Amino acid sequence: KKQTQIFIETPYRNKQVFEDMLQVCNPNTLLCVATDITLES
């Protein structure tokens, strides 16, 4: 669909989800990680 897919996770499972994406997604797939939006961090 040439469509951006957006999802969230319970914060303590973020690392597992991130690692799963590295394992199963195509190397050329674009991934945006957006953390602590609007905060100093």
PDB file of all heavy atoms in Angstrom:
ATOM      1  N   LYS A   1       0.798  -1.227   0.000  1.00  0.00           N
ATOM      2  CA  LYS A   1       0.000   0.000   0.000  1.00  0.00           C
ATOM      3  C   LYS A   1       0.834   1.284   0.000  1.00  0.00           C
ATOM      4  O   LYS A   1       0.277   2.376  -0.026  1.00  0.00           O
ATOM      5  CB  LYS A   1      -0.936   0.017   1.210  1.00  0.00           C
ATOM      6  CG  LYS A   1      -2.016  -1.047   1.181  1.00  0.00           C
ATOM      7  CD  LYS A   1      -3.053  -0.801   2.275  1.00  0.00           C
ATOM      8  CE  LYS A   1      -4.225  -1.743   2.146  1.00  0.00           C
ATOM      9  NZ  LYS A   1      -5.290  -1.440   3.143  1.00  0.00           N
ATOM     10  N   LYS A   2       2.160   1.126   0.064  1.00  0.00           N
ATOM     11  CA  LYS A   2       3.063   2.273   0.194  1.00  0.00           C
ATOM     12  C   LYS A   2       2.619   3.127   1.390  1.00  0.00           C
ATOM     13  O   LYS A   2       2.528   4.344   1.331  1.00  0.00           O
ATOM     14  CB  LYS A   2       3.080   3.120  -1.089  1.00  0.00           C
ATOM     15  CG  LYS A   2       3.363   2.321  -2.345  1.00  0.00           C
ATOM     16  CD  LYS A   2       4.668   1.533  -2.225  1.00  0.00           C
ATOM     17  CE  LYS A   2       4.921   0.655  -3.455  1.00  0.00           C
ATOM     18  NZ  LYS A   2       6.079  -0.249  -3.266  1.00  0.00           N
ATOM     19  N   GLN A   3       2.350   2.433   2.484  1.00  0.00           N
ATOM     20  CA  GLN A   3       1.704   3.040   3.649  1.00  0.00           C
ATOM     21  C   GLN A   3       2.608   2.960   4.884  1.00  0.00           C
ATOM     22  O   GLN A   3       3.132   1.896   5.210  1.00  0.00           O
ATOM     23  CB  GLN A   3       0.383   2.306   3.920  1.00  0.00           C
ATOM     24  CG  GLN A   3      -0.452   2.852   5.043  1.00  0.00           C
ATOM     25  CD  GLN A   3      -1.728   2.036   5.206  1.00  0.00           C
ATOM     26  OE1 GLN A   3      -1.693   0.881   5.622  1.00  0.00           O
ATOM     27  NE2 GLN A   3      -2.857   2.627   4.842  1.00  0.00           N
ATOM     28  N   THR A   4       2.762   4.065   5.575  1.00  0.00           N
ATOM     29  CA  THR A   4       3.495   4.068   6.838  1.00  0.00           C
ATOM     30  C   THR A   4       2.678   3.342   7.894  1.00  0.00           C
ATOM     31  O   THR A   4       1.499   3.628   8.080  1.00  0.00           O
ATOM     32  CB  THR A   4       3.763   5.511   7.311  1.00  0.00           C
ATOM     33  OG1 THR A   4       4.524   6.201   6.319  1.00  0.00           O
ATOM     34  CG2 THR A   4       4.513   5.518   8.636  1.00  0.00           C
ATOM     35  N   GLN A   5       3.307   2.395   8.573  1.00  0.00           N
ATOM     36  CA  GLN A   5       2.654   1.645   9.640  1.00  0.00           C
ATOM     37  C   GLN A   5       3.191   2.134  10.982  1.00  0.00           C
ATOM     38  O   GLN A   5       4.400   2.170  11.205  1.00  0.00           O
ATOM     39  CB  GLN A   5       2.928   0.149   9.484  1.00  0.00           C
ATOM     40  CG  GLN A   5       2.439  -0.438   8.170  1.00  0.00           C
ATOM     41  CD  GLN A   5       0.925  -0.473   8.090  1.00  0.00           C
ATOM     42  OE1 GLN A   5       0.256  -0.922   9.011  1.00  0.00           O
ATOM     43  NE2 GLN A   5       0.377  -0.012   6.969  1.00  0.00           N
ATOM     44  N   ILE A   6       2.291   2.522  11.870  1.00  0.00           N
ATOM     45  CA  ILE A   6       2.671   3.112  13.156  1.00  0.00           C
ATOM     46  C   ILE A   6       2.170   2.207  14.278  1.00  0.00           C
ATOM     47  O   ILE A   6       1.017   1.778  14.269  1.00  0.00           O
ATOM     48  CB  ILE A   6       2.045   4.519  13.317  1.00  0.00           C
ATOM     49  CG1 ILE A   6       2.350   5.381  12.088  1.00  0.00           C
ATOM     50  CG2 ILE A   6       2.549   5.190  14.594  1.00  0.00           C
ATOM     51  CD1 ILE A   6       1.587   6.695  12.064  1.00  0.00           C
ATOM     52  N   PHE A   7       3.030   1.936  15.244  1.00  0.00           N
ATOM     53  CA  PHE A   7       2.592   1.122  16.387  1.00  0.00           C
ATOM     54  C   PHE A   7       3.367   1.518  17.635  1.00  0.00           C
ATOM     55  O   PHE A   7       4.402   2.201  17.568  1.00  0.00           O
ATOM     56  CB  PHE A   7       2.732  -0.378  16.094  1.00  0.00           C
ATOM     57  CG  PHE A   7       4.078  -0.807  15.590  1.00  0.00           C
ATOM     58  CD1 PHE A   7       5.039  -1.286  16.471  1.00  0.00           C
ATOM     59  CD2 PHE A   7       4.386  -0.749  14.236  1.00  0.00           C
ATOM     60  CE1 PHE A   7       6.274  -1.694  16.004  1.00  0.00           C
ATOM     61  CE2 PHE A   7       5.623  -1.164  13.761  1.00  0.00           C
ATOM     62  CZ  PHE A   7       6.568  -1.628  14.652  1.00  0.00           C
ATOM     63  N   ILE A   8       2.849   1.108  18.772  1.00  0.00           N
ATOM     64  CA  ILE A   8       3.471   1.407  20.055  1.00  0.00           C
ATOM     65  C   ILE A   8       3.591   0.115  20.851  1.00  0.00           C
ATOM     66  O   ILE A   8       3.042  -0.918  20.472  1.00  0.00           O
ATOM     67  CB  ILE A   8       2.658   2.451  20.859  1.00  0.00           C
ATOM     68  CG1 ILE A   8       1.201   1.981  21.037  1.00  0.00           C
ATOM     69  CG2 ILE A   8       2.704   3.807  20.194  1.00  0.00           C
ATOM     70  CD1 ILE A   8       0.335   2.931  21.853  1.00  0.00           C
ATOM     71  N   GLU A   9       4.294   0.198  21.976  1.00  0.00           N
ATOM     72  CA  GLU A   9       4.464  -0.960  22.830  1.00  0.00           C
ATOM     73  C   GLU A   9       4.550  -0.515  24.272  1.00  0.00           C
ATOM     74  O   GLU A   9       4.877   0.646  24.556  1.00  0.00           O
ATOM     75  CB  GLU A   9       5.729  -1.729  22.426  1.00  0.00           C
ATOM     76  CG  GLU A   9       5.911  -3.065  23.115  1.00  0.00           C
ATOM     77  CD  GLU A   9       4.661  -3.919  23.107  1.00  0.00           C
ATOM     78  OE1 GLU A   9       4.416  -4.624  22.113  1.00  0.00           O
ATOM     79  OE2 GLU A   9       3.914  -3.856  24.102  1.00  0.00           O
ATOM     80  N   THR A  10       4.209  -1.402  25.189  1.00  0.00           N
ATOM     81  CA  THR A  10       4.425  -1.136  26.594  1.00  0.00           C
ATOM     82  C   THR A  10       5.919  -0.854  26.776  1.00  0.00           C
ATOM     83  O   THR A  10       6.753  -1.626  26.288  1.00  0.00           O
ATOM     84  CB  THR A  10       4.014  -2.361  27.437  1.00  0.00           C
ATOM     85  OG1 THR A  10       2.636  -2.645  27.177  1.00  0.00           O
ATOM     86  CG2 THR A  10       4.215  -2.081  28.910  1.00  0.00           C
ATOM     87  N   PRO A  11       6.291   0.247  27.443  1.00  0.00           N
ATOM     88  CA  PRO A  11       7.698   0.680  27.477  1.00  0.00           C
ATOM     89  C   PRO A  11       8.711  -0.392  27.860  1.00  0.00           C
ATOM     90  O   PRO A  11       9.810  -0.419  27.306  1.00  0.00           O
ATOM     91  CB  PRO A  11       7.673   1.825  28.497  1.00  0.00           C
ATOM     92  CG  PRO A  11       6.311   2.418  28.328  1.00  0.00           C
ATOM     93  CD  PRO A  11       5.406   1.251  28.078  1.00  0.00           C
ATOM     94  N   TYR A  12       8.354  -1.313  28.748  1.00  0.00           N
ATOM     95  CA  TYR A  12       9.354  -2.323  29.148  1.00  0.00           C
ATOM     96  C   TYR A  12       9.533  -3.412  28.089  1.00  0.00           C
ATOM     97  O   TYR A  12      10.423  -4.262  28.214  1.00  0.00           O
ATOM     98  CB  TYR A  12       9.005  -2.932  30.513  1.00  0.00           C
ATOM     99  CG  TYR A  12       7.706  -3.705  30.581  1.00  0.00           C
ATOM    100  CD1 TYR A  12       7.645  -5.031  30.158  1.00  0.00           C
ATOM    101  CD2 TYR A  12       6.549  -3.117  31.078  1.00  0.00           C
ATOM    102  CE1 TYR A  12       6.466  -5.754  30.220  1.00  0.00           C
ATOM    103  CE2 TYR A  12       5.361  -3.831  31.141  1.00  0.00           C
ATOM    104  CZ  TYR A  12       5.318  -5.141  30.716  1.00  0.00           C
ATOM    105  OH  TYR A  12       4.139  -5.848  30.772  1.00  0.00           O
ATOM    106  N   ARG A  13       8.718  -3.416  27.036  1.00  0.00           N
ATOM    107  CA  ARG A  13       8.918  -4.380  25.944  1.00  0.00           C
ATOM    108  C   ARG A  13       9.496  -3.718  24.687  1.00  0.00           C
ATOM    109  O   ARG A  13       9.605  -4.356  23.637  1.00  0.00           O
ATOM    110  CB  ARG A  13       7.593  -5.085  25.602  1.00  0.00           C
ATOM    111  CG  ARG A  13       7.238  -6.210  26.535  1.00  0.00           C
ATOM    112  CD  ARG A  13       6.229  -7.170  25.905  1.00  0.00           C
ATOM    113  NE  ARG A  13       4.934  -6.541  25.694  1.00  0.00           N
ATOM    114  CZ  ARG A  13       3.922  -6.579  26.552  1.00  0.00           C
ATOM    115  NH1 ARG A  13       4.072  -7.227  27.708  1.00  0.00           N
ATOM    116  NH2 ARG A  13       2.779  -5.999  26.304  1.00  0.00           N
ATOM    117  N   ASN A  14       9.865  -2.454  24.774  1.00  0.00           N
ATOM    118  CA  ASN A  14      10.390  -1.748  23.594  1.00  0.00           C
ATOM    119  C   ASN A  14      11.598  -2.453  22.981  1.00  0.00           C
ATOM    120  O   ASN A  14      11.698  -2.594  21.761  1.00  0.00           O
ATOM    121  CB  ASN A  14      10.796  -0.315  23.968  1.00  0.00           C
ATOM    122  CG  ASN A  14       9.599   0.610  24.101  1.00  0.00           C
ATOM    123  OD1 ASN A  14       8.549   0.366  23.532  1.00  0.00           O
ATOM    124  ND2 ASN A  14       9.771   1.682  24.856  1.00  0.00           N
ATOM    125  N   LYS A  15      12.529  -2.871  23.830  1.00  0.00           N
ATOM    126  CA  LYS A  15      13.764  -3.465  23.317  1.00  0.00           C
ATOM    127  C   LYS A  15      13.492  -4.772  22.579  1.00  0.00           C
ATOM    128  O   LYS A  15      14.111  -5.046  21.543  1.00  0.00           O
ATOM    129  CB  LYS A  15      14.742  -3.696  24.463  1.00  0.00           C
ATOM    130  CG  LYS A  15      15.291  -2.413  25.065  1.00  0.00           C
ATOM    131  CD  LYS A  15      16.247  -2.681  26.195  1.00  0.00           C
ATOM    132  CE  LYS A  15      17.537  -3.311  25.709  1.00  0.00           C
ATOM    133  NZ  LYS A  15      18.526  -3.469  26.803  1.00  0.00           N
ATOM    134  N   GLN A  16      12.550  -5.573  23.101  1.00  0.00           N
ATOM    135  CA  GLN A  16      12.218  -6.832  22.425  1.00  0.00           C
ATOM    136  C   GLN A  16      11.627  -6.582  21.043  1.00  0.00           C
ATOM    137  O   GLN A  16      11.970  -7.269  20.076  1.00  0.00           O
ATOM    138  CB  GLN A  16      11.237  -7.649  23.273  1.00  0.00           C
ATOM    139  CG  GLN A  16      11.811  -8.157  24.587  1.00  0.00           C
ATOM    140  CD  GLN A  16      11.500  -7.245  25.746  1.00  0.00           C
ATOM    141  OE1 GLN A  16      11.703  -6.037  25.673  1.00  0.00           O
ATOM    142  NE2 GLN A  16      10.981  -7.821  26.832  1.00  0.00           N
ATOM    143  N   VAL A  17      10.739  -5.588  20.962  1.00  0.00           N
ATOM    144  CA  VAL A  17      10.129  -5.261  19.673  1.00  0.00           C
ATOM    145  C   VAL A  17      11.191  -4.761  18.693  1.00  0.00           C
ATOM    146  O   VAL A  17      11.228  -5.160  17.517  1.00  0.00           O
ATOM    147  CB  VAL A  17       9.021  -4.205  19.848  1.00  0.00           C
ATOM    148  CG1 VAL A  17       8.543  -3.694  18.496  1.00  0.00           C
ATOM    149  CG2 VAL A  17       7.853  -4.785  20.623  1.00  0.00           C
ATOM    150  N   PHE A  18      12.052  -3.889  19.171  1.00  0.00           N
ATOM    151  CA  PHE A  18      13.114  -3.355  18.320  1.00  0.00           C
ATOM    152  C   PHE A  18      14.011  -4.488  17.792  1.00  0.00           C
ATOM    153  O   PHE A  18      14.317  -4.550  16.593  1.00  0.00           O
ATOM    154  CB  PHE A  18      13.947  -2.345  19.123  1.00  0.00           C
ATOM    155  CG  PHE A  18      15.103  -1.770  18.364  1.00  0.00           C
ATOM    156  CD1 PHE A  18      14.911  -0.785  17.406  1.00  0.00           C
ATOM    157  CD2 PHE A  18      16.404  -2.213  18.612  1.00  0.00           C
ATOM    158  CE1 PHE A  18      15.988  -0.258  16.702  1.00  0.00           C
ATOM    159  CE2 PHE A  18      17.481  -1.696  17.912  1.00  0.00           C
ATOM    160  CZ  PHE A  18      17.277  -0.707  16.951  1.00  0.00           C
ATOM    161  N   GLU A  19      14.403  -5.393  18.669  1.00  0.00           N
ATOM    162  CA  GLU A  19      15.256  -6.514  18.261  1.00  0.00           C
ATOM    163  C   GLU A  19      14.543  -7.437  17.281  1.00  0.00           C
ATOM    164  O   GLU A  19      15.163  -7.963  16.337  1.00  0.00           O
ATOM    165  CB  GLU A  19      15.712  -7.281  19.495  1.00  0.00           C
ATOM    166  CG  GLU A  19      16.708  -6.496  20.349  1.00  0.00           C
ATOM    167  CD  GLU A  19      16.895  -7.075  21.744  1.00  0.00           C
ATOM    168  OE1 GLU A  19      16.263  -8.133  22.030  1.00  0.00           O
ATOM    169  OE2 GLU A  19      17.651  -6.498  22.537  1.00  0.00           O
ATOM    170  N   ASP A  20      13.238  -7.629  17.479  1.00  0.00           N
ATOM    171  CA  ASP A  20      12.476  -8.456  16.533  1.00  0.00           C
ATOM    172  C   ASP A  20      12.464  -7.826  15.147  1.00  0.00           C
ATOM    173  O   ASP A  20      12.598  -8.525  14.133  1.00  0.00           O
ATOM    174  CB  ASP A  20      11.032  -8.622  17.025  1.00  0.00           C
ATOM    175  CG  ASP A  20      10.920  -9.598  18.179  1.00  0.00           C
ATOM    176  OD1 ASP A  20      11.880 -10.358  18.411  1.00  0.00           O
ATOM    177  OD2 ASP A  20       9.874  -9.589  18.856  1.00  0.00           O
ATOM    178  N   MET A  21      12.307  -6.511  15.076  1.00  0.00           N
ATOM    179  CA  MET A  21      12.297  -5.833  13.775  1.00  0.00           C
ATOM    180  C   MET A  21      13.627  -6.005  13.063  1.00  0.00           C
ATOM    181  O   MET A  21      13.672  -6.219  11.836  1.00  0.00           O
ATOM    182  CB  MET A  21      11.968  -4.348  13.954  1.00  0.00           C
ATOM    183  CG  MET A  21      10.494  -4.081  14.209  1.00  0.00           C
ATOM    184  SD  MET A  21      10.077  -2.323  14.204  1.00  0.00           S
ATOM    185  CE  MET A  21      10.722  -1.824  15.798  1.00  0.00           C
ATOM    186  N   LEU A  22      14.725  -5.938  13.808  1.00  0.00           N
ATOM    187  CA  LEU A  22      16.036  -6.118  13.192  1.00  0.00           C
ATOM    188  C   LEU A  22      16.196  -7.524  12.620  1.00  0.00           C
ATOM    189  O   LEU A  22      16.908  -7.723  11.634  1.00  0.00           O
ATOM    190  CB  LEU A  22      17.144  -5.852  14.212  1.00  0.00           C
ATOM    191  CG  LEU A  22      17.220  -4.453  14.821  1.00  0.00           C
ATOM    192  CD1 LEU A  22      18.505  -4.302  15.630  1.00  0.00           C
ATOM    193  CD2 LEU A  22      17.126  -3.365  13.757  1.00  0.00           C
ATOM    194  N   GLN A  23      15.518  -8.486  13.238  1.00  0.00           N
ATOM    195  CA  GLN A  23      15.638  -9.881  12.816  1.00  0.00           C
ATOM    196  C   GLN A  23      14.749 -10.225  11.631  1.00  0.00           C
ATOM    197  O   GLN A  23      15.158 -10.990  10.743  1.00  0.00           O
ATOM    198  CB  GLN A  23      15.315 -10.805  13.991  1.00  0.00           C
ATOM    199  CG  GLN A  23      16.328 -10.766  15.115  1.00  0.00           C
ATOM    200  CD  GLN A  23      17.703 -11.253  14.685  1.00  0.00           C
ATOM    201  OE1 GLN A  23      17.827 -12.251  13.972  1.00  0.00           O
ATOM    202  NE2 GLN A  23      18.740 -10.537  15.104  1.00  0.00           N
ATOM    203  N   VAL A  24      13.527  -9.693  11.602  1.00  0.00           N
ATOM    204  CA  VAL A  24      12.555 -10.168  10.611  1.00  0.00           C
ATOM    205  C   VAL A  24      12.290  -9.202   9.457  1.00  0.00           C
ATOM    206  O   VAL A  24      11.795  -9.627   8.406  1.00  0.00           O
ATOM    207  CB  VAL A  24      11.210 -10.530  11.280  1.00  0.00           C
ATOM    208  CG1 VAL A  24      11.420 -11.520  12.411  1.00  0.00           C
ATOM    209  CG2 VAL A  24      10.484  -9.288  11.786  1.00  0.00           C
ATOM    210  N   CYS A  25      12.617  -7.927   9.613  1.00  0.00           N
ATOM    211  CA  CYS A  25      12.295  -6.967   8.560  1.00  0.00           C
ATOM    212  C   CYS A  25      13.401  -6.892   7.506  1.00  0.00           C
ATOM    213  O   CYS A  25      14.572  -7.186   7.781  1.00  0.00           O
ATOM    214  CB  CYS A  25      12.059  -5.567   9.159  1.00  0.00           C
ATOM    215  SG  CYS A  25      10.544  -5.442  10.133  1.00  0.00           S
ATOM    216  N   ASN A  26      13.020  -6.489   6.313  1.00  0.00           N
ATOM    217  CA  ASN A  26      13.966  -6.342   5.211  1.00  0.00           C
ATOM    218  C   ASN A  26      15.011  -5.278   5.558  1.00  0.00           C
ATOM    219  O   ASN A  26      14.674  -4.244   6.121  1.00  0.00           O
ATOM    220  CB  ASN A  26      13.197  -5.937   3.952  1.00  0.00           C
ATOM    221  CG  ASN A  26      14.081  -5.898   2.722  1.00  0.00           C
ATOM    222  OD1 ASN A  26      14.894  -5.003   2.561  1.00  0.00           O
ATOM    223  ND2 ASN A  26      13.902  -6.865   1.841  1.00  0.00           N
ATOM    224  N   PRO A  27      16.280  -5.509   5.227  1.00  0.00           N
ATOM    225  CA  PRO A  27      17.333  -4.547   5.559  1.00  0.00           C
ATOM    226  C   PRO A  27      17.082  -3.143   5.016  1.00  0.00           C
ATOM    227  O   PRO A  27      17.565  -2.150   5.574  1.00  0.00           O
ATOM    228  CB  PRO A  27      18.591  -5.161   4.931  1.00  0.00           C
ATOM    229  CG  PRO A  27      18.301  -6.630   4.871  1.00  0.00           C
ATOM    230  CD  PRO A  27      16.826  -6.732   4.603  1.00  0.00           C
ATOM    231  N   ASN A  28      16.317  -3.044   3.908  1.00  0.00           N
ATOM    232  CA  ASN A  28      16.068  -1.736   3.298  1.00  0.00           C
ATOM    233  C   ASN A  28      14.798  -1.051   3.795  1.00  0.00           C
ATOM    234  O   ASN A  28      14.504   0.078   3.395  1.00  0.00           O
ATOM    235  CB  ASN A  28      16.000  -1.873   1.772  1.00  0.00           C
ATOM    236  CG  ASN A  28      17.357  -2.207   1.176  1.00  0.00           C
ATOM    237  OD1 ASN A  28      18.370  -1.644   1.580  1.00  0.00           O
ATOM    238  ND2 ASN A  28      17.380  -3.132   0.230  1.00  0.00           N
ATOM    239  N   THR A  29      14.043  -1.722   4.651  1.00  0.00           N
ATOM    240  CA  THR A  29      12.838  -1.102   5.223  1.00  0.00           C
ATOM    241  C   THR A  29      13.237   0.062   6.121  1.00  0.00           C
ATOM    242  O   THR A  29      14.162  -0.039   6.924  1.00  0.00           O
ATOM    243  CB  THR A  29      12.038  -2.137   6.030  1.00  0.00           C
ATOM    244  OG1 THR A  29      11.493  -3.097   5.124  1.00  0.00           O
ATOM    245  CG2 THR A  29      10.910  -1.480   6.799  1.00  0.00           C
ATOM    246  N   LEU A  30      12.540   1.161   5.978  1.00  0.00           N
ATOM    247  CA  LEU A  30      12.807   2.330   6.813  1.00  0.00           C
ATOM    248  C   LEU A  30      12.107   2.180   8.155  1.00  0.00           C
ATOM    249  O   LEU A  30      10.935   1.805   8.227  1.00  0.00           O
ATOM    250  CB  LEU A  30      12.323   3.603   6.120  1.00  0.00           C
ATOM    251  CG  LEU A  30      13.130   4.048   4.895  1.00  0.00           C
ATOM    252  CD1 LEU A  30      12.399   5.174   4.166  1.00  0.00           C
ATOM    253  CD2 LEU A  30      14.527   4.507   5.309  1.00  0.00           C
ATOM    254  N   LEU A  31      12.834   2.475   9.214  1.00  0.00           N
ATOM    255  CA  LEU A  31      12.286   2.421  10.567  1.00  0.00           C
ATOM    256  C   LEU A  31      12.563   3.741  11.271  1.00  0.00           C
ATOM    257  O   LEU A  31      13.710   4.194  11.328  1.00  0.00           O
ATOM    258  CB  LEU A  31      12.932   1.270  11.358  1.00  0.00           C
ATOM    259  CG  LEU A  31      12.728   1.300  12.887  1.00  0.00           C
ATOM    260  CD1 LEU A  31      11.258   1.159  13.251  1.00  0.00           C
ATOM    261  CD2 LEU A  31      13.565   0.211  13.554  1.00  0.00           C
ATOM    262  N   CYS A  32      11.513   4.342  11.795  1.00  0.00           N
ATOM    263  CA  CYS A  32      11.659   5.530  12.629  1.00  0.00           C
ATOM    264  C   CYS A  32      11.379   5.130  14.076  1.00  0.00           C
ATOM    265  O   CYS A  32      10.357   4.491  14.366  1.00  0.00           O
ATOM    266  CB  CYS A  32      10.698   6.640  12.209  1.00  0.00           C
ATOM    267  SG  CYS A  32      10.758   8.096  13.298  1.00  0.00           S
ATOM    268  N   VAL A  33      12.274   5.497  14.962  1.00  0.00           N
ATOM    269  CA  VAL A  33      12.101   5.289  16.398  1.00  0.00           C
ATOM    270  C   VAL A  33      11.960   6.674  17.034  1.00  0.00           C
ATOM    271  O   VAL A  33      12.878   7.496  16.938  1.00  0.00           O
ATOM    272  CB  VAL A  33      13.296   4.533  17.011  1.00  0.00           C
ATOM    273  CG1 VAL A  33      13.102   4.368  18.514  1.00  0.00           C
ATOM    274  CG2 VAL A  33      13.467   3.179  16.336  1.00  0.00           C
ATOM    275  N   ALA A  34      10.812   6.923  17.654  1.00  0.00           N
ATOM    276  CA  ALA A  34      10.543   8.226  18.252  1.00  0.00           C
ATOM    277  C   ALA A  34      10.285   8.052  19.745  1.00  0.00           C
ATOM    278  O   ALA A  34       9.300   7.429  20.145  1.00  0.00           O
ATOM    279  CB  ALA A  34       9.334   8.871  17.576  1.00  0.00           C
ATOM    280  N   THR A  35      11.170   8.592  20.560  1.00  0.00           N
ATOM    281  CA  THR A  35      11.149   8.359  22.003  1.00  0.00           C
ATOM    282  C   THR A  35      11.069   9.669  22.784  1.00  0.00           C
ATOM    283  O   THR A  35      11.704  10.661  22.409  1.00  0.00           O
ATOM    284  CB  THR A  35      12.425   7.603  22.426  1.00  0.00           C
ATOM    285  OG1 THR A  35      12.450   6.335  21.774  1.00  0.00           O
ATOM    286  CG2 THR A  35      12.462   7.380  23.922  1.00  0.00           C
ATOM    287  N   ASP A  36      10.283   9.651  23.866  1.00  0.00           N
ATOM    288  CA  ASP A  36      10.185  10.807  24.773  1.00  0.00           C
ATOM    289  C   ASP A  36       9.875  12.098  24.020  1.00  0.00           C
ATOM    290  O   ASP A  36      10.492  13.146  24.253  1.00  0.00           O
ATOM    291  CB  ASP A  36      11.472  10.973  25.583  1.00  0.00           C
ATOM    292  CG  ASP A  36      11.570   9.979  26.730  1.00  0.00           C
ATOM    293  OD1 ASP A  36      10.586   9.265  26.980  1.00  0.00           O
ATOM    294  OD2 ASP A  36      12.626   9.932  27.386  1.00  0.00           O
ATOM    295  N   ILE A  37       8.896  12.039  23.155  1.00  0.00           N
ATOM    296  CA  ILE A  37       8.538  13.207  22.347  1.00  0.00           C
ATOM    297  C   ILE A  37       8.085  14.362  23.235  1.00  0.00           C
ATOM    298  O   ILE A  37       7.339  14.172  24.185  1.00  0.00           O
ATOM    299  CB  ILE A  37       7.437  12.825  21.336  1.00  0.00           C
ATOM    300  CG1 ILE A  37       7.996  11.828  20.322  1.00  0.00           C
ATOM    301  CG2 ILE A  37       6.898  14.047  20.608  1.00  0.00           C
ATOM    302  CD1 ILE A  37       6.984  11.303  19.354  1.00  0.00           C
ATOM    303  N   THR A  38       8.571  15.548  22.926  1.00  0.00           N
ATOM    304  CA  THR A  38       8.330  16.836  23.608  1.00  0.00           C
ATOM    305  C   THR A  38       9.159  16.985  24.887  1.00  0.00           C
ATOM    306  O   THR A  38       9.119  18.037  25.525  1.00  0.00           O
ATOM    307  CB  THR A  38       6.853  17.098  23.954  1.00  0.00           C
ATOM    308  OG1 THR A  38       6.442  16.270  25.060  1.00  0.00           O
ATOM    309  CG2 THR A  38       5.930  16.880  22.770  1.00  0.00           C
ATOM    310  N   LEU A  39       9.918  15.977  25.286  1.00  0.00           N
ATOM    311  CA  LEU A  39      10.723  16.056  26.501  1.00  0.00           C
ATOM    312  C   LEU A  39      12.173  16.417  26.153  1.00  0.00           C
ATOM    313  O   LEU A  39      12.596  16.342  24.997  1.00  0.00           O
ATOM    314  CB  LEU A  39      10.678  14.731  27.254  1.00  0.00           C
ATOM    315  CG  LEU A  39       9.291  14.159  27.556  1.00  0.00           C
ATOM    316  CD1 LEU A  39       9.411  12.892  28.378  1.00  0.00           C
ATOM    317  CD2 LEU A  39       8.423  15.182  28.272  1.00  0.00           C
ATOM    318  N   GLU A  40      12.955  16.774  27.152  1.00  0.00           N
ATOM    319  CA  GLU A  40      14.359  17.116  26.916  1.00  0.00           C
ATOM    320  C   GLU A  40      15.137  15.922  26.379  1.00  0.00           C
ATOM    321  O   GLU A  40      16.122  16.084  25.662  1.00  0.00           O
ATOM    322  CB  GLU A  40      15.001  17.628  28.210  1.00  0.00           C
ATOM    323  CG  GLU A  40      14.531  19.015  28.619  1.00  0.00           C
ATOM    324  CD  GLU A  40      15.314  19.559  29.801  1.00  0.00           C
ATOM    325  OE1 GLU A  40      16.299  18.906  30.210  1.00  0.00           O
ATOM    326  OE2 GLU A  40      14.947  20.636  30.303  1.00  0.00           O
ATOM    327  N   SER A  41      14.709  14.723  26.728  1.00  0.00           N
ATOM    328  CA  SER A  41      15.386  13.501  26.286  1.00  0.00           C
ATOM    329  C   SER A  41      14.870  12.983  24.942  1.00  0.00           C
ATOM    330  O   SER A  41      15.196  11.867  24.541  1.00  0.00           O
ATOM    331  CB  SER A  41      15.216  12.405  27.342  1.00  0.00           C
ATOM    332  OG  SER A  41      13.835  12.200  27.627  1.00  0.00           O
TER     333      SER A  41
END
